[in-house]
Amino acid sequence: REVGPRDAVLVIGNSLPNAGTAERTRAAVEGLGRAVRPGGVLVLHMLNFSKLVREGGGLKPLRRVVKEGREYLFLKLFEVHEDRVVLDVVALAGEDGHYEQDLTRSSLYPVSMDWLTGALAGAGLEVMEALGGFDGNPYDERSSGDLLVVAHKTGGGR
């Protein structure tokens, strides 16, 4: 069944930068523009790559989650390259000192607010608000950990 444009489309957790290159990321934004009907909204969430690139990437603090007696540990390493950021995630899951391990590697396109604003405009979308994350604080390129953009599809009402 074919699905037409929607009132709202949500893209969270670095899904957009996972396109990997500027060309593929721009194509994804264009596709998202087609998925939102005029008057609708697109919400994009990702890391603040401007801050991450400026800081040179590196090893991030260990994250620990305990759920239903099972411990989960996540360690992230970001390698900054000229045209991409490589993310390695080591994940450990276990209990009583016995852990399963997993390593994943992703190549992310380092989306900046300026780049994103232009790509959205090219897809018929206008930035309404830029936040530093789900906490609702305004986006600050130098200090926000995340970038959350709410964009409006231009071209009239519903």
N, C-alpha and C. Protein backbone atom coordinates (compact mmCIF):
# COMPACT_ATOMS: atom_id res chain seq x y z
N ARG A 1 0.84 -1.18 0.00
CA ARG A 1 0.00 0.00 0.00
C ARG A 1 0.88 1.24 0.00
N GLU A 2 0.61 2.14 -0.89
CA GLU A 2 1.37 3.38 -0.98
C GLU A 2 0.84 4.39 0.04
N VAL A 3 1.75 5.06 0.70
CA VAL A 3 1.38 6.05 1.71
C VAL A 3 1.73 7.43 1.18
N GLY A 4 0.79 8.35 1.28
CA GLY A 4 1.02 9.71 0.81
C GLY A 4 1.67 10.58 1.87
N PRO A 5 1.86 11.86 1.56
CA PRO A 5 2.47 12.79 2.51
C PRO A 5 1.70 12.85 3.83
N ARG A 6 2.43 13.11 4.89
CA ARG A 6 1.89 13.12 6.25
C ARG A 6 1.94 14.52 6.86
N ASP A 7 1.14 14.71 7.93
CA ASP A 7 1.14 15.97 8.67
C ASP A 7 2.45 16.17 9.42
N ALA A 8 3.05 15.09 9.88
CA ALA A 8 4.30 15.18 10.64
C ALA A 8 5.16 13.95 10.36
N VAL A 9 6.47 14.21 10.27
CA VAL A 9 7.45 13.14 10.09
C VAL A 9 8.56 13.37 11.13
N LEU A 10 8.91 12.32 11.87
CA LEU A 10 9.94 12.39 12.89
C LEU A 10 11.14 11.55 12.47
N VAL A 11 12.34 12.12 12.56
CA VAL A 11 13.57 11.42 12.22
C VAL A 11 14.53 11.66 13.39
N ILE A 12 14.74 10.65 14.22
CA ILE A 12 15.51 10.86 15.44
C ILE A 12 16.72 9.94 15.52
N GLY A 13 17.64 10.29 16.42
CA GLY A 13 18.76 9.41 16.74
C GLY A 13 19.81 9.27 15.65
N ASN A 14 20.18 10.32 14.97
CA ASN A 14 21.22 10.30 13.94
C ASN A 14 20.86 9.50 12.71
N SER A 15 19.58 9.24 12.49
CA SER A 15 19.18 8.52 11.28
C SER A 15 19.60 9.27 10.03
N LEU A 16 19.42 10.58 10.01
CA LEU A 16 19.78 11.36 8.82
C LEU A 16 21.29 11.33 8.56
N PRO A 17 22.15 11.63 9.53
CA PRO A 17 23.59 11.57 9.26
C PRO A 17 24.09 10.18 8.87
N ASN A 18 23.34 9.13 9.20
CA ASN A 18 23.73 7.78 8.82
C ASN A 18 23.68 7.56 7.32
N ALA A 19 23.14 8.52 6.58
CA ALA A 19 23.19 8.42 5.11
C ALA A 19 24.65 8.38 4.65
N GLY A 20 25.55 8.98 5.43
CA GLY A 20 26.97 8.80 5.22
C GLY A 20 27.71 9.82 4.39
N THR A 21 27.07 10.39 3.35
CA THR A 21 27.74 11.38 2.51
C THR A 21 26.82 12.58 2.32
N ALA A 22 27.40 13.70 1.88
CA ALA A 22 26.59 14.89 1.63
C ALA A 22 25.51 14.62 0.59
N GLU A 23 25.87 13.90 -0.48
CA GLU A 23 24.92 13.63 -1.55
C GLU A 23 23.76 12.77 -1.07
N ARG A 24 24.06 11.69 -0.36
CA ARG A 24 23.00 10.81 0.14
C ARG A 24 22.17 11.49 1.22
N THR A 25 22.80 12.33 2.03
CA THR A 25 22.07 13.04 3.08
C THR A 25 21.13 14.06 2.46
N ARG A 26 21.61 14.78 1.44
CA ARG A 26 20.74 15.74 0.74
C ARG A 26 19.57 15.02 0.06
N ALA A 27 19.84 13.88 -0.54
CA ALA A 27 18.76 13.10 -1.17
C ALA A 27 17.74 12.65 -0.12
N ALA A 28 18.22 12.28 1.06
CA ALA A 28 17.30 11.89 2.14
C ALA A 28 16.44 13.07 2.57
N VAL A 29 17.02 14.26 2.67
CA VAL A 29 16.25 15.46 3.03
C VAL A 29 15.20 15.74 1.96
N GLU A 30 15.56 15.59 0.69
CA GLU A 30 14.59 15.80 -0.39
C GLU A 30 13.45 14.80 -0.28
N GLY A 31 13.76 13.55 0.03
CA GLY A 31 12.72 12.53 0.22
C GLY A 31 11.83 12.86 1.40
N LEU A 32 12.43 13.35 2.48
CA LEU A 32 11.63 13.76 3.64
C LEU A 32 10.72 14.93 3.29
N GLY A 33 11.22 15.83 2.46
CA GLY A 33 10.39 16.95 2.00
C GLY A 33 9.15 16.47 1.26
N ARG A 34 9.31 15.41 0.47
CA ARG A 34 8.16 14.85 -0.25
C ARG A 34 7.21 14.11 0.69
N ALA A 35 7.73 13.64 1.83
CA ALA A 35 6.91 12.86 2.77
C ALA A 35 6.03 13.74 3.66
N VAL A 36 6.32 15.05 3.68
CA VAL A 36 5.55 15.99 4.51
C VAL A 36 4.62 16.79 3.62
N ARG A 37 3.33 16.82 3.98
CA ARG A 37 2.39 17.59 3.16
C ARG A 37 2.52 19.07 3.45
N PRO A 38 2.11 19.94 2.53
CA PRO A 38 2.15 21.38 2.77
C PRO A 38 1.43 21.72 4.08
N GLY A 39 2.09 22.53 4.90
CA GLY A 39 1.55 22.89 6.20
C GLY A 39 1.99 21.93 7.30
N GLY A 40 2.60 20.80 6.94
CA GLY A 40 3.05 19.81 7.91
C GLY A 40 4.43 20.14 8.46
N VAL A 41 4.89 19.31 9.39
CA VAL A 41 6.18 19.55 10.03
C VAL A 41 7.08 18.32 9.92
N LEU A 42 8.37 18.62 9.91
CA LEU A 42 9.41 17.61 9.95
C LEU A 42 10.25 17.89 11.19
N VAL A 43 10.47 16.87 12.02
CA VAL A 43 11.32 16.99 13.20
C VAL A 43 12.54 16.12 12.99
N LEU A 44 13.72 16.74 13.05
CA LEU A 44 14.99 16.05 12.86
C LEU A 44 15.82 16.14 14.14
N HIS A 45 16.36 15.02 14.57
CA HIS A 45 17.20 15.00 15.77
C HIS A 45 18.52 14.31 15.44
N MET A 46 19.62 14.91 15.88
CA MET A 46 20.95 14.33 15.65
C MET A 46 21.94 14.95 16.61
N LEU A 47 23.14 14.44 16.61
CA LEU A 47 24.22 15.05 17.38
C LEU A 47 24.51 16.45 16.85
N ASN A 48 25.06 17.29 17.68
CA ASN A 48 25.55 18.59 17.24
C ASN A 48 26.95 18.35 16.67
N PHE A 49 26.99 18.08 15.37
CA PHE A 49 28.26 17.74 14.74
C PHE A 49 29.21 18.93 14.70
N SER A 50 28.72 20.15 14.69
CA SER A 50 29.61 21.31 14.71
C SER A 50 30.47 21.29 15.95
N LYS A 51 29.88 21.03 17.09
CA LYS A 51 30.62 20.94 18.36
C LYS A 51 31.54 19.73 18.36
N LEU A 52 31.02 18.60 17.93
CA LEU A 52 31.79 17.36 17.92
C LEU A 52 33.04 17.48 17.05
N VAL A 53 32.89 18.06 15.87
CA VAL A 53 34.02 18.23 14.94
C VAL A 53 35.02 19.23 15.53
N ARG A 54 34.53 20.34 16.06
CA ARG A 54 35.41 21.36 16.64
C ARG A 54 36.24 20.77 17.79
N GLU A 55 35.63 19.88 18.59
CA GLU A 55 36.33 19.26 19.71
C GLU A 55 37.22 18.10 19.30
N GLY A 56 37.15 17.69 18.03
CA GLY A 56 38.02 16.64 17.53
C GLY A 56 37.56 15.22 17.82
N GLY A 57 36.29 15.06 18.21
CA GLY A 57 35.78 13.71 18.46
C GLY A 57 36.36 13.14 19.74
N GLY A 58 36.78 11.88 19.67
CA GLY A 58 37.39 11.24 20.82
C GLY A 58 36.45 10.29 21.53
N LEU A 59 36.93 9.81 22.66
CA LEU A 59 36.21 8.85 23.49
C LEU A 59 35.24 9.60 24.40
N LYS A 60 34.01 9.14 24.43
CA LYS A 60 32.98 9.76 25.27
C LYS A 60 32.82 8.96 26.56
N PRO A 61 32.27 9.58 27.59
CA PRO A 61 32.11 8.86 28.87
C PRO A 61 31.27 7.59 28.73
N LEU A 62 31.64 6.59 29.51
CA LEU A 62 30.92 5.32 29.55
C LEU A 62 29.48 5.58 30.00
N ARG A 63 28.53 4.95 29.32
CA ARG A 63 27.12 5.05 29.70
C ARG A 63 26.68 3.70 30.25
N ARG A 64 26.04 3.72 31.41
CA ARG A 64 25.60 2.49 32.07
C ARG A 64 24.09 2.54 32.28
N VAL A 65 23.42 1.46 31.91
CA VAL A 65 21.98 1.32 32.09
C VAL A 65 21.73 -0.04 32.73
N VAL A 66 20.88 -0.08 33.75
CA VAL A 66 20.46 -1.34 34.35
C VAL A 66 18.96 -1.46 34.13
N LYS A 67 18.57 -2.58 33.53
CA LYS A 67 17.16 -2.81 33.23
C LYS A 67 16.84 -4.26 33.54
N GLU A 68 15.87 -4.44 34.42
CA GLU A 68 15.42 -5.79 34.81
C GLU A 68 16.59 -6.68 35.24
N GLY A 69 17.49 -6.11 36.04
CA GLY A 69 18.61 -6.85 36.59
C GLY A 69 19.77 -7.09 35.64
N ARG A 70 19.65 -6.61 34.42
CA ARG A 70 20.71 -6.79 33.43
C ARG A 70 21.42 -5.46 33.22
N GLU A 71 22.75 -5.51 33.16
CA GLU A 71 23.55 -4.30 33.01
C GLU A 71 23.96 -4.12 31.54
N TYR A 72 23.85 -2.88 31.07
CA TYR A 72 24.25 -2.54 29.71
C TYR A 72 25.27 -1.42 29.79
N LEU A 73 26.41 -1.59 29.14
CA LEU A 73 27.47 -0.59 29.11
C LEU A 73 27.74 -0.21 27.66
N PHE A 74 27.85 1.10 27.41
CA PHE A 74 28.08 1.61 26.06
C PHE A 74 29.27 2.56 26.08
N LEU A 75 30.20 2.34 25.19
CA LEU A 75 31.37 3.19 25.04
C LEU A 75 31.43 3.65 23.58
N LYS A 76 31.49 4.97 23.39
CA LYS A 76 31.49 5.53 22.03
C LYS A 76 32.81 6.23 21.74
N LEU A 77 33.33 5.99 20.54
CA LEU A 77 34.53 6.64 20.06
C LEU A 77 34.21 7.30 18.73
N PHE A 78 34.46 8.61 18.64
CA PHE A 78 34.21 9.38 17.42
C PHE A 78 35.55 9.75 16.79
N GLU A 79 35.72 9.39 15.51
CA GLU A 79 36.91 9.78 14.73
C GLU A 79 36.46 10.80 13.70
N VAL A 80 37.03 12.00 13.76
CA VAL A 80 36.64 13.07 12.84
C VAL A 80 37.55 13.03 11.62
N HIS A 81 36.93 12.95 10.44
CA HIS A 81 37.64 13.00 9.16
C HIS A 81 37.14 14.21 8.39
N GLU A 82 37.76 14.51 7.27
CA GLU A 82 37.40 15.70 6.51
C GLU A 82 35.94 15.72 6.09
N ASP A 83 35.40 14.58 5.66
CA ASP A 83 34.06 14.54 5.09
C ASP A 83 33.10 13.62 5.84
N ARG A 84 33.53 13.11 6.99
CA ARG A 84 32.67 12.18 7.74
C ARG A 84 33.16 12.07 9.18
N VAL A 85 32.30 11.52 10.00
CA VAL A 85 32.66 11.18 11.37
C VAL A 85 32.40 9.69 11.52
N VAL A 86 33.42 8.95 11.92
CA VAL A 86 33.26 7.52 12.13
C VAL A 86 32.95 7.30 13.61
N LEU A 87 31.88 6.56 13.86
CA LEU A 87 31.44 6.26 15.21
C LEU A 87 31.60 4.76 15.46
N ASP A 88 32.39 4.43 16.47
CA ASP A 88 32.50 3.04 16.95
C ASP A 88 31.78 2.97 18.28
N VAL A 89 30.91 1.98 18.43
CA VAL A 89 30.19 1.77 19.68
C VAL A 89 30.49 0.36 20.18
N VAL A 90 31.06 0.29 21.38
CA VAL A 90 31.25 -0.99 22.05
C VAL A 90 30.10 -1.13 23.04
N ALA A 91 29.35 -2.21 22.92
CA ALA A 91 28.21 -2.46 23.80
C ALA A 91 28.44 -3.78 24.54
N LEU A 92 28.27 -3.72 25.84
CA LEU A 92 28.37 -4.90 26.68
C LEU A 92 27.04 -5.09 27.39
N ALA A 93 26.56 -6.32 27.44
CA ALA A 93 25.30 -6.61 28.12
C ALA A 93 25.48 -7.88 28.93
N GLY A 94 25.08 -7.83 30.19
CA GLY A 94 25.22 -9.04 30.99
C GLY A 94 24.80 -8.86 32.42
N GLU A 95 25.12 -9.89 33.20
CA GLU A 95 24.82 -9.88 34.62
C GLU A 95 25.79 -10.83 35.32
N ASP A 96 26.00 -10.59 36.60
CA ASP A 96 26.88 -11.44 37.42
C ASP A 96 28.28 -11.59 36.82
N GLY A 97 28.79 -10.52 36.21
CA GLY A 97 30.15 -10.54 35.67
C GLY A 97 30.32 -11.24 34.33
N HIS A 98 29.24 -11.74 33.74
CA HIS A 98 29.30 -12.40 32.43
C HIS A 98 28.66 -11.47 31.39
N TYR A 99 29.43 -11.09 30.40
CA TYR A 99 28.96 -10.11 29.43
C TYR A 99 29.05 -10.63 28.01
N GLU A 100 28.06 -10.24 27.21
CA GLU A 100 28.11 -10.41 25.77
C GLU A 100 28.62 -9.08 25.23
N GLN A 101 29.35 -9.13 24.14
CA GLN A 101 29.89 -7.88 23.59
C GLN A 101 29.53 -7.72 22.13
N ASP A 102 29.48 -6.46 21.73
CA ASP A 102 29.15 -6.15 20.33
C ASP A 102 29.90 -4.87 19.96
N LEU A 103 30.38 -4.81 18.74
CA LEU A 103 31.05 -3.62 18.23
C LEU A 103 30.37 -3.24 16.92
N THR A 104 29.94 -1.99 16.83
CA THR A 104 29.36 -1.50 15.58
C THR A 104 30.14 -0.27 15.13
N ARG A 105 30.20 -0.08 13.83
CA ARG A 105 30.89 1.07 13.24
C ARG A 105 29.95 1.71 12.25
N SER A 106 29.84 3.04 12.33
CA SER A 106 29.00 3.80 11.41
C SER A 106 29.80 4.96 10.86
N SER A 107 29.56 5.28 9.60
CA SER A 107 30.13 6.47 8.98
C SER A 107 29.02 7.50 8.86
N LEU A 108 29.17 8.62 9.56
CA LEU A 108 28.13 9.64 9.63
C LEU A 108 28.53 10.89 8.86
N TYR A 109 27.58 11.49 8.15
CA TYR A 109 27.85 12.77 7.53
C TYR A 109 27.68 13.85 8.59
N PRO A 110 28.69 14.71 8.81
CA PRO A 110 28.61 15.71 9.88
C PRO A 110 27.73 16.91 9.50
N VAL A 111 26.45 16.77 9.70
CA VAL A 111 25.45 17.79 9.34
C VAL A 111 25.61 19.00 10.25
N SER A 112 25.78 20.18 9.66
CA SER A 112 25.80 21.43 10.43
C SER A 112 24.45 22.12 10.27
N MET A 113 24.17 23.06 11.14
CA MET A 113 22.91 23.80 11.07
C MET A 113 22.82 24.58 9.76
N ASP A 114 23.91 25.20 9.34
CA ASP A 114 23.90 25.95 8.07
C ASP A 114 23.62 25.02 6.89
N TRP A 115 24.31 23.89 6.85
CA TRP A 115 24.10 22.93 5.76
C TRP A 115 22.66 22.46 5.75
N LEU A 116 22.14 22.12 6.94
CA LEU A 116 20.79 21.59 7.05
C LEU A 116 19.74 22.62 6.63
N THR A 117 19.94 23.87 7.02
CA THR A 117 18.99 24.93 6.65
C THR A 117 18.89 25.03 5.12
N GLY A 118 20.04 24.98 4.43
CA GLY A 118 20.03 25.03 2.97
C GLY A 118 19.39 23.81 2.34
N ALA A 119 19.69 22.63 2.87
CA ALA A 119 19.11 21.40 2.33
C ALA A 119 17.60 21.39 2.54
N LEU A 120 17.15 21.83 3.70
CA LEU A 120 15.71 21.89 3.97
C LEU A 120 15.02 22.87 3.02
N ALA A 121 15.62 24.02 2.81
CA ALA A 121 15.04 25.02 1.90
C ALA A 121 14.90 24.43 0.49
N GLY A 122 15.92 23.69 0.06
CA GLY A 122 15.87 23.05 -1.24
C GLY A 122 14.77 22.00 -1.36
N ALA A 123 14.31 21.50 -0.22
CA ALA A 123 13.25 20.49 -0.20
C ALA A 123 11.89 21.10 0.13
N GLY A 124 11.82 22.45 0.13
CA GLY A 124 10.55 23.13 0.39
C GLY A 124 10.18 23.21 1.86
N LEU A 125 11.19 23.14 2.72
CA LEU A 125 10.96 23.20 4.17
C LEU A 125 11.68 24.41 4.76
N GLU A 126 11.05 25.02 5.75
CA GLU A 126 11.62 26.19 6.42
C GLU A 126 11.79 25.89 7.90
N VAL A 127 12.96 26.21 8.44
CA VAL A 127 13.23 25.97 9.86
C VAL A 127 12.36 26.88 10.70
N MET A 128 11.58 26.27 11.61
CA MET A 128 10.76 27.03 12.55
C MET A 128 11.49 27.22 13.87
N GLU A 129 12.21 26.17 14.29
CA GLU A 129 12.86 26.21 15.59
C GLU A 129 14.05 25.25 15.59
N ALA A 130 15.11 25.67 16.29
CA ALA A 130 16.28 24.82 16.47
C ALA A 130 16.54 24.72 17.97
N LEU A 131 16.55 23.50 18.48
CA LEU A 131 16.73 23.26 19.90
C LEU A 131 18.00 22.45 20.13
N GLY A 132 18.50 22.49 21.35
CA GLY A 132 19.71 21.76 21.71
C GLY A 132 19.43 20.34 22.16
N GLY A 133 18.19 19.88 22.00
CA GLY A 133 17.81 18.52 22.40
C GLY A 133 16.37 18.48 22.82
N PHE A 134 15.97 17.36 23.40
CA PHE A 134 14.58 17.17 23.80
C PHE A 134 14.22 17.94 25.07
N ASP A 135 15.21 18.57 25.71
CA ASP A 135 14.94 19.36 26.92
C ASP A 135 14.31 20.72 26.59
N GLY A 136 14.27 21.09 25.31
CA GLY A 136 13.63 22.33 24.90
C GLY A 136 14.52 23.56 24.96
N ASN A 137 15.77 23.41 25.36
CA ASN A 137 16.68 24.56 25.40
C ASN A 137 17.05 24.97 23.98
N PRO A 138 17.27 26.27 23.76
CA PRO A 138 17.66 26.72 22.42
C PRO A 138 18.98 26.08 21.97
N TYR A 139 19.10 25.89 20.68
CA TYR A 139 20.32 25.32 20.10
C TYR A 139 21.45 26.33 20.19
N ASP A 140 22.61 25.88 20.64
CA ASP A 140 23.83 26.68 20.66
C ASP A 140 24.92 25.83 20.00
N GLU A 141 25.40 26.28 18.87
CA GLU A 141 26.38 25.51 18.10
C GLU A 141 27.61 25.15 18.92
N ARG A 142 27.99 26.01 19.85
CA ARG A 142 29.21 25.79 20.63
C ARG A 142 29.02 24.86 21.83
N SER A 143 27.78 24.78 22.37
CA SER A 143 27.64 24.04 23.62
C SER A 143 26.58 22.94 23.63
N SER A 144 25.62 22.98 22.72
CA SER A 144 24.56 21.96 22.73
C SER A 144 25.12 20.60 22.35
N GLY A 145 24.68 19.56 23.04
CA GLY A 145 25.10 18.21 22.70
C GLY A 145 24.39 17.67 21.47
N ASP A 146 23.16 18.13 21.27
CA ASP A 146 22.34 17.66 20.16
C ASP A 146 21.83 18.83 19.33
N LEU A 147 21.25 18.49 18.20
CA LEU A 147 20.55 19.44 17.35
C LEU A 147 19.19 18.84 17.04
N LEU A 148 18.14 19.56 17.42
CA LEU A 148 16.77 19.14 17.14
C LEU A 148 16.12 20.27 16.36
N VAL A 149 15.74 19.99 15.11
CA VAL A 149 15.18 21.01 14.23
C VAL A 149 13.72 20.67 13.94
N VAL A 150 12.88 21.69 14.05
CA VAL A 150 11.47 21.58 13.64
C VAL A 150 11.34 22.44 12.39
N ALA A 151 10.94 21.82 11.29
CA ALA A 151 10.80 22.53 10.01
C ALA A 151 9.37 22.42 9.53
N HIS A 152 8.93 23.44 8.82
CA HIS A 152 7.55 23.56 8.31
C HIS A 152 7.58 23.43 6.80
N LYS A 153 6.68 22.64 6.26
CA LYS A 153 6.60 22.47 4.80
C LYS A 153 5.85 23.67 4.24
N THR A 154 6.50 24.41 3.39
CA THR A 154 5.89 25.57 2.77
C THR A 154 4.97 25.13 1.64
N GLY A 155 4.21 26.06 1.12
CA GLY A 155 3.35 25.74 -0.01
C GLY A 155 1.88 25.74 0.33
N GLY A 156 1.48 26.36 1.41
CA GLY A 156 0.06 26.50 1.69
C GLY A 156 -0.41 25.65 2.85
N GLY A 157 -1.70 25.63 2.99
CA GLY A 157 -2.34 24.93 4.12
C GLY A 157 -2.34 23.44 3.93
N ARG A 158 -3.21 22.78 4.65
CA ARG A 158 -3.25 21.32 4.66
C ARG A 158 -3.66 20.75 3.35
